[in-house]
């Protein structure tokens, strides 16, 4: 009887470890993908702002050169 309960205990520990590891991996994967998408969007917005700023500076320089 004691051997059976020990075996069942080990099985529960192994199953819990595997399921917990799988769940942890999945959650961290989702967090990483979400963070990556957010950072890519922030980079796109930054590049767009820099392009607008550069175009505004170029237009300002052309206006000063013609005067």
C-alpha atoms as a PDB file:
ATOM      1  CA  UNK A   1       0.000   0.000   0.000  1.00  0.00           C
ATOM      2  CA  UNK A   2       2.802   2.451   0.837  1.00  0.00           C
ATOM      3  CA  UNK A   3       4.562   1.758  -2.455  1.00  0.00           C
ATOM      4  CA  UNK A   4       1.386   2.503  -4.374  1.00  0.00           C
ATOM      5  CA  UNK A   5       0.923   5.859  -2.651  1.00  0.00           C
ATOM      6  CA  UNK A   6       4.578   6.767  -3.236  1.00  0.00           C
ATOM      7  CA  UNK A   7       4.261   5.919  -6.905  1.00  0.00           C
ATOM      8  CA  UNK A   8       1.096   8.021  -7.126  1.00  0.00           C
ATOM      9  CA  UNK A   9       2.891  10.881  -5.366  1.00  0.00           C
ATOM     10  CA  UNK A  10       5.823  10.761  -7.766  1.00  0.00           C
ATOM     11  CA  UNK A  11       3.439  10.671 -10.731  1.00  0.00           C
ATOM     12  CA  UNK A  12       1.646  13.767  -9.395  1.00  0.00           C
ATOM     13  CA  UNK A  13       4.937  15.594  -8.888  1.00  0.00           C
ATOM     14  CA  UNK A  14       6.172  14.746 -12.391  1.00  0.00           C
ATOM     15  CA  UNK A  15       2.832  15.637 -13.995  1.00  0.00           C
ATOM     16  CA  UNK A  16       2.668  18.911 -12.079  1.00  0.00           C
ATOM     17  CA  UNK A  17       6.206  19.781 -13.075  1.00  0.00           C
ATOM     18  CA  UNK A  18       5.545  19.079 -16.748  1.00  0.00           C
ATOM     19  CA  UNK A  19       2.229  20.919 -16.819  1.00  0.00           C
ATOM     20  CA  UNK A  20       3.599  23.843 -14.806  1.00  0.00           C
ATOM     21  CA  UNK A  21       6.613  24.135 -17.080  1.00  0.00           C
ATOM     22  CA  UNK A  22       4.437  24.009 -20.171  1.00  0.00           C
ATOM     23  CA  UNK A  23       2.083  26.638 -18.787  1.00  0.00           C
ATOM     24  CA  UNK A  24       4.995  28.861 -17.749  1.00  0.00           C
ATOM     25  CA  UNK A  25       6.600  28.546 -21.170  1.00  0.00           C
ATOM     26  CA  UNK A  26       3.319  29.410 -22.901  1.00  0.00           C
ATOM     27  CA  UNK A  27       2.704  32.455 -20.704  1.00  0.00           C
ATOM     28  CA  UNK A  28       6.238  33.783 -21.176  1.00  0.00           C
ATOM     29  CA  UNK A  29       5.999  33.178 -24.924  1.00  0.00           C
ATOM     30  CA  UNK A  30       2.785  35.214 -25.089  1.00  0.00           C
ATOM     31  CA  UNK A  31       4.331  38.011 -23.003  1.00  0.00           C
ATOM     32  CA  UNK A  32       7.413  38.071 -25.246  1.00  0.00           C
ATOM     33  CA  UNK A  33       5.362  38.180 -28.459  1.00  0.00           C
ATOM     34  CA  UNK A  34       3.141  40.918 -27.047  1.00  0.00           C
ATOM     35  CA  UNK A  35       6.158  42.978 -25.951  1.00  0.00           C
ATOM     36  CA  UNK A  36       7.849  42.507 -29.323  1.00  0.00           C
ATOM     37  CA  UNK A  37       4.760  43.694 -31.202  1.00  0.00           C
ATOM     38  CA  UNK A  38       4.440  46.720 -28.912  1.00  0.00           C
ATOM     39  CA  UNK A  39       8.099  47.644 -29.418  1.00  0.00           C
ATOM     40  CA  UNK A  40       7.836  47.224 -33.205  1.00  0.00           C
ATOM     41  CA  UNK A  41       4.836  49.574 -33.219  1.00  0.00           C
ATOM     42  CA  UNK A  42       6.738  52.078 -31.084  1.00  0.00           C
ATOM     43  CA  UNK A  43       9.697  51.861 -33.492  1.00  0.00           C
ATOM     44  CA  UNK A  44       7.421  52.456 -36.485  1.00  0.00           C
ATOM     45  CA  UNK A  45       5.918  55.491 -34.759  1.00  0.00           C
ATOM     46  CA  UNK A  46       9.388  56.800 -33.879  1.00  0.00           C
ATOM     47  CA  UNK A  47      10.581  56.376 -37.471  1.00  0.00           C
ATOM     48  CA  UNK A  48       7.480  58.171 -38.734  1.00  0.00           C
ATOM     49  CA  UNK A  49       8.060  61.060 -36.317  1.00  0.00           C
ATOM     50  CA  UNK A  50      11.733  61.300 -37.281  1.00  0.00           C
ATOM     51  CA  UNK A  51      10.821  61.333 -40.969  1.00  0.00           C
ATOM     52  CA  UNK A  52       8.310  64.144 -40.373  1.00  0.00           C
ATOM     53  CA  UNK A  53      10.880  66.097 -38.360  1.00  0.00           C
ATOM     54  CA  UNK A  54      13.504  65.618 -41.065  1.00  0.00           C
ATOM     55  CA  UNK A  55      11.081  66.738 -43.788  1.00  0.00           C
ATOM     56  CA  UNK A  56      10.149  69.791 -41.734  1.00  0.00           C
ATOM     57  CA  UNK A  57      13.819  70.670 -41.292  1.00  0.00           C
ATOM     58  CA  UNK A  58      14.455  70.215 -45.005  1.00  0.00           C
ATOM     59  CA  UNK A  59      11.515  72.460 -45.884  1.00  0.00           C
ATOM     60  CA  UNK A  60      12.765  75.044 -43.389  1.00  0.00           C
ATOM     61  CA  UNK A  61      16.229  74.973 -44.931  1.00  0.00           C
ATOM     62  CA  UNK A  62      14.861  75.393 -48.438  1.00  0.00           C
ATOM     63  CA  UNK A  63      12.801  78.371 -47.295  1.00  0.00           C
ATOM     64  CA  UNK A  64      15.847  80.035 -45.743  1.00  0.00           C
ATOM     65  CA  UNK A  65      18.023  79.396 -48.812  1.00  0.00           C
ATOM     66  CA  UNK A  66      15.573  81.071 -51.186  1.00  0.00           C
ATOM     67  CA  UNK A  67      15.321  84.241 -49.066  1.00  0.00           C
END
